[in-house]
Structures are given as C-alpha cells and as structure tokens.
Amino acid sequence: MPVKHDLYADLGVTKEELGKRRGGDAKLNALVDQYDELDAQIVGIEDKGDASDDELRTLKEKRLLAKDKIARQLSEAS
C-alpha cells in the first residue's frame, strides 16, 4: 500500500517548524502546497495503478523538484 512521502524528515524540520515558516513566507507556502498536491497525486496513482510508469516517474520527478525548491527557500529565508 502506498504511503505519503515524509517531507519533514527529508528536510530535517518538524511539522510545527515548517508550519511557522510557511505562515510568514507566501512563496514557501505555495511551494509546500504544490508538493502536497503532487504527493497526493502520486499516492493515488500508486494505490489505483491507473498510470503508466512514465507518467508516474514524471510526477515523482516534479515532486523531487518541488522538494528541492522548498529546501532552497528554507535556506534562503534562514
């Protein structure tokens, strides 16, 4: 069974810390929303198996790029 990707562990932050930072940074907030949307799509596809391997790989690549943008935004705002 597919599981939601653990963004907090990947970024080395707590949910609370990211929540606080999102509140004061509109760009970070939008990036995290984008990441969450991509992650939900991937979990849904993996659960149903209704996409090709190429489509799934493309979504996973987009999710990785979104995570990289979030990490960059967190480091720039520090």
N, C-alpha and C. Protein backbone atom coordinates (compact mmCIF):
# COMPACT_ATOMS: atom_id res chain seq x y z
N MET A 1 0.84 -1.18 0.00
CA MET A 1 0.00 0.00 0.00
C MET A 1 0.88 1.25 0.00
N PRO A 2 0.62 2.17 -0.90
CA PRO A 2 1.43 3.40 -0.98
C PRO A 2 1.24 4.27 0.27
N VAL A 3 2.29 4.96 0.63
CA VAL A 3 2.23 5.87 1.77
C VAL A 3 2.70 7.26 1.35
N LYS A 4 2.17 8.27 2.06
CA LYS A 4 2.55 9.65 1.81
C LYS A 4 4.03 9.82 2.11
N HIS A 5 4.71 10.57 1.26
CA HIS A 5 6.14 10.83 1.42
C HIS A 5 6.36 11.73 2.63
N ASP A 6 7.39 11.49 3.42
CA ASP A 6 7.66 12.26 4.64
C ASP A 6 8.56 13.45 4.33
N LEU A 7 7.93 14.55 3.96
CA LEU A 7 8.66 15.76 3.61
C LEU A 7 9.47 16.30 4.78
N TYR A 8 8.90 16.23 5.98
CA TYR A 8 9.57 16.79 7.16
C TYR A 8 10.90 16.08 7.43
N ALA A 9 10.90 14.78 7.33
CA ALA A 9 12.13 14.01 7.54
C ALA A 9 13.17 14.36 6.48
N ASP A 10 12.72 14.47 5.23
CA ASP A 10 13.64 14.80 4.14
C ASP A 10 14.28 16.17 4.34
N LEU A 11 13.51 17.12 4.88
CA LEU A 11 14.01 18.47 5.06
C LEU A 11 14.71 18.67 6.39
N GLY A 12 14.53 17.72 7.31
CA GLY A 12 15.14 17.84 8.62
C GLY A 12 14.49 18.92 9.48
N VAL A 13 13.17 19.09 9.31
CA VAL A 13 12.41 20.05 10.11
C VAL A 13 11.20 19.34 10.70
N THR A 14 10.64 19.93 11.75
CA THR A 14 9.41 19.39 12.31
C THR A 14 8.22 20.00 11.58
N LYS A 15 7.09 19.36 11.73
CA LYS A 15 5.86 19.88 11.13
C LYS A 15 5.55 21.27 11.68
N GLU A 16 5.77 21.45 12.97
CA GLU A 16 5.50 22.74 13.61
C GLU A 16 6.42 23.83 13.08
N GLU A 17 7.70 23.50 12.94
CA GLU A 17 8.67 24.48 12.43
C GLU A 17 8.32 24.91 11.01
N LEU A 18 8.00 23.93 10.17
CA LEU A 18 7.63 24.27 8.79
C LEU A 18 6.35 25.08 8.77
N GLY A 19 5.41 24.73 9.63
CA GLY A 19 4.15 25.49 9.70
C GLY A 19 4.38 26.95 10.06
N LYS A 20 5.26 27.20 11.02
CA LYS A 20 5.58 28.58 11.41
C LYS A 20 6.23 29.33 10.25
N ARG A 21 7.14 28.67 9.59
CA ARG A 21 7.86 29.33 8.48
C ARG A 21 6.94 29.59 7.30
N ARG A 22 6.00 28.68 7.08
CA ARG A 22 5.03 28.86 5.99
C ARG A 22 4.17 30.09 6.23
N GLY A 23 3.82 30.32 7.51
CA GLY A 23 2.95 31.43 7.85
C GLY A 23 3.52 32.78 7.48
N GLY A 24 4.83 32.90 7.49
CA GLY A 24 5.47 34.18 7.18
C GLY A 24 6.10 34.25 5.81
N ASP A 25 5.88 33.25 4.97
CA ASP A 25 6.54 33.19 3.67
C ASP A 25 5.57 32.64 2.63
N ALA A 26 4.97 33.55 1.87
CA ALA A 26 3.95 33.16 0.88
C ALA A 26 4.53 32.22 -0.18
N LYS A 27 5.78 32.46 -0.59
CA LYS A 27 6.39 31.60 -1.60
C LYS A 27 6.58 30.18 -1.06
N LEU A 28 7.08 30.08 0.16
CA LEU A 28 7.26 28.77 0.78
C LEU A 28 5.91 28.07 0.92
N ASN A 29 4.91 28.79 1.33
CA ASN A 29 3.58 28.22 1.48
C ASN A 29 3.08 27.64 0.15
N ALA A 30 3.26 28.38 -0.93
CA ALA A 30 2.83 27.90 -2.25
C ALA A 30 3.62 26.67 -2.68
N LEU A 31 4.91 26.66 -2.40
CA LEU A 31 5.75 25.51 -2.75
C LEU A 31 5.33 24.25 -2.00
N VAL A 32 5.05 24.40 -0.71
CA VAL A 32 4.63 23.25 0.08
C VAL A 32 3.26 22.75 -0.40
N ASP A 33 2.36 23.67 -0.72
CA ASP A 33 1.06 23.27 -1.27
C ASP A 33 1.24 22.49 -2.57
N GLN A 34 2.14 22.96 -3.44
CA GLN A 34 2.41 22.28 -4.70
C GLN A 34 2.97 20.87 -4.43
N TYR A 35 3.89 20.78 -3.50
CA TYR A 35 4.48 19.49 -3.14
C TYR A 35 3.40 18.53 -2.63
N ASP A 36 2.55 19.02 -1.73
CA ASP A 36 1.50 18.19 -1.16
C ASP A 36 0.53 17.68 -2.24
N GLU A 37 0.24 18.54 -3.19
CA GLU A 37 -0.65 18.15 -4.29
C GLU A 37 -0.02 17.05 -5.14
N LEU A 38 1.24 17.22 -5.49
CA LEU A 38 1.95 16.20 -6.27
C LEU A 38 2.04 14.89 -5.51
N ASP A 39 2.33 14.97 -4.21
CA ASP A 39 2.45 13.77 -3.40
C ASP A 39 1.11 13.03 -3.34
N ALA A 40 0.03 13.77 -3.19
CA ALA A 40 -1.30 13.15 -3.15
C ALA A 40 -1.63 12.48 -4.48
N GLN A 41 -1.26 13.11 -5.58
CA GLN A 41 -1.49 12.51 -6.91
C GLN A 41 -0.71 11.20 -7.03
N ILE A 42 0.53 11.21 -6.59
CA ILE A 42 1.38 10.01 -6.69
C ILE A 42 0.81 8.88 -5.85
N VAL A 43 0.42 9.18 -4.63
CA VAL A 43 -0.15 8.16 -3.75
C VAL A 43 -1.42 7.59 -4.37
N GLY A 44 -2.25 8.45 -4.93
CA GLY A 44 -3.49 8.00 -5.58
C GLY A 44 -3.22 7.10 -6.76
N ILE A 45 -2.27 7.46 -7.57
CA ILE A 45 -1.92 6.66 -8.75
C ILE A 45 -1.32 5.32 -8.32
N GLU A 46 -0.43 5.36 -7.34
CA GLU A 46 0.18 4.11 -6.88
C GLU A 46 -0.87 3.18 -6.28
N ASP A 47 -1.85 3.76 -5.60
CA ASP A 47 -2.90 2.96 -4.99
C ASP A 47 -3.81 2.31 -6.03
N LYS A 48 -4.15 3.07 -7.06
CA LYS A 48 -5.06 2.58 -8.10
C LYS A 48 -4.34 1.89 -9.25
N GLY A 49 -3.08 2.25 -9.45
CA GLY A 49 -2.33 1.68 -10.56
C GLY A 49 -2.87 2.10 -11.91
N ASP A 50 -3.37 3.34 -11.98
CA ASP A 50 -4.01 3.79 -13.22
C ASP A 50 -3.18 4.77 -14.05
N ALA A 51 -1.87 4.62 -14.01
CA ALA A 51 -1.00 5.46 -14.82
C ALA A 51 0.18 4.62 -15.30
N SER A 52 0.76 5.08 -16.38
CA SER A 52 1.93 4.37 -16.91
C SER A 52 3.14 4.66 -16.03
N ASP A 53 4.15 3.84 -16.18
CA ASP A 53 5.40 4.05 -15.43
C ASP A 53 6.01 5.40 -15.77
N ASP A 54 5.91 5.82 -17.03
CA ASP A 54 6.46 7.11 -17.44
C ASP A 54 5.73 8.26 -16.76
N GLU A 55 4.41 8.17 -16.70
CA GLU A 55 3.62 9.22 -16.04
C GLU A 55 3.97 9.31 -14.56
N LEU A 56 4.08 8.17 -13.93
CA LEU A 56 4.42 8.13 -12.51
C LEU A 56 5.83 8.68 -12.28
N ARG A 57 6.77 8.31 -13.11
CA ARG A 57 8.14 8.80 -12.99
C ARG A 57 8.18 10.32 -13.16
N THR A 58 7.42 10.85 -14.11
CA THR A 58 7.37 12.29 -14.34
C THR A 58 6.83 13.02 -13.11
N LEU A 59 5.77 12.48 -12.51
CA LEU A 59 5.23 13.10 -11.31
C LEU A 59 6.22 13.05 -10.15
N LYS A 60 6.92 11.94 -10.03
CA LYS A 60 7.92 11.82 -8.96
C LYS A 60 9.07 12.80 -9.17
N GLU A 61 9.45 13.02 -10.42
CA GLU A 61 10.50 14.00 -10.71
C GLU A 61 10.03 15.40 -10.36
N LYS A 62 8.76 15.71 -10.65
CA LYS A 62 8.20 17.02 -10.30
C LYS A 62 8.16 17.20 -8.79
N ARG A 63 7.81 16.13 -8.07
CA ARG A 63 7.77 16.19 -6.62
C ARG A 63 9.17 16.45 -6.07
N LEU A 64 10.17 15.79 -6.62
CA LEU A 64 11.55 16.00 -6.18
C LEU A 64 12.00 17.44 -6.44
N LEU A 65 11.65 17.98 -7.59
CA LEU A 65 11.99 19.38 -7.88
C LEU A 65 11.30 20.32 -6.90
N ALA A 66 10.04 20.01 -6.58
CA ALA A 66 9.31 20.85 -5.62
C ALA A 66 9.99 20.80 -4.25
N LYS A 67 10.43 19.61 -3.84
CA LYS A 67 11.12 19.47 -2.56
C LYS A 67 12.42 20.26 -2.58
N ASP A 68 13.15 20.21 -3.68
CA ASP A 68 14.40 20.97 -3.79
C ASP A 68 14.14 22.47 -3.69
N LYS A 69 13.06 22.94 -4.30
CA LYS A 69 12.70 24.36 -4.22
C LYS A 69 12.35 24.75 -2.79
N ILE A 70 11.65 23.86 -2.08
CA ILE A 70 11.31 24.12 -0.68
C ILE A 70 12.59 24.22 0.15
N ALA A 71 13.49 23.29 -0.05
CA ALA A 71 14.76 23.29 0.70
C ALA A 71 15.54 24.58 0.41
N ARG A 72 15.56 24.99 -0.84
CA ARG A 72 16.25 26.24 -1.20
C ARG A 72 15.60 27.43 -0.53
N GLN A 73 14.27 27.47 -0.55
CA GLN A 73 13.55 28.59 0.05
C GLN A 73 13.79 28.64 1.58
N LEU A 74 13.82 27.47 2.20
CA LEU A 74 14.10 27.43 3.64
C LEU A 74 15.50 27.94 3.95
N SER A 75 16.47 27.58 3.12
CA SER A 75 17.85 28.02 3.39
C SER A 75 18.03 29.51 3.09
N GLU A 76 17.32 30.03 2.10
CA GLU A 76 17.42 31.45 1.77
C GLU A 76 16.77 32.31 2.84
N ALA A 77 15.71 31.80 3.44
CA ALA A 77 14.97 32.57 4.45
C ALA A 77 15.63 32.50 5.82
N SER A 78 16.62 31.65 5.98
CA SER A 78 17.28 31.50 7.30
C SER A 78 18.16 32.67 7.63
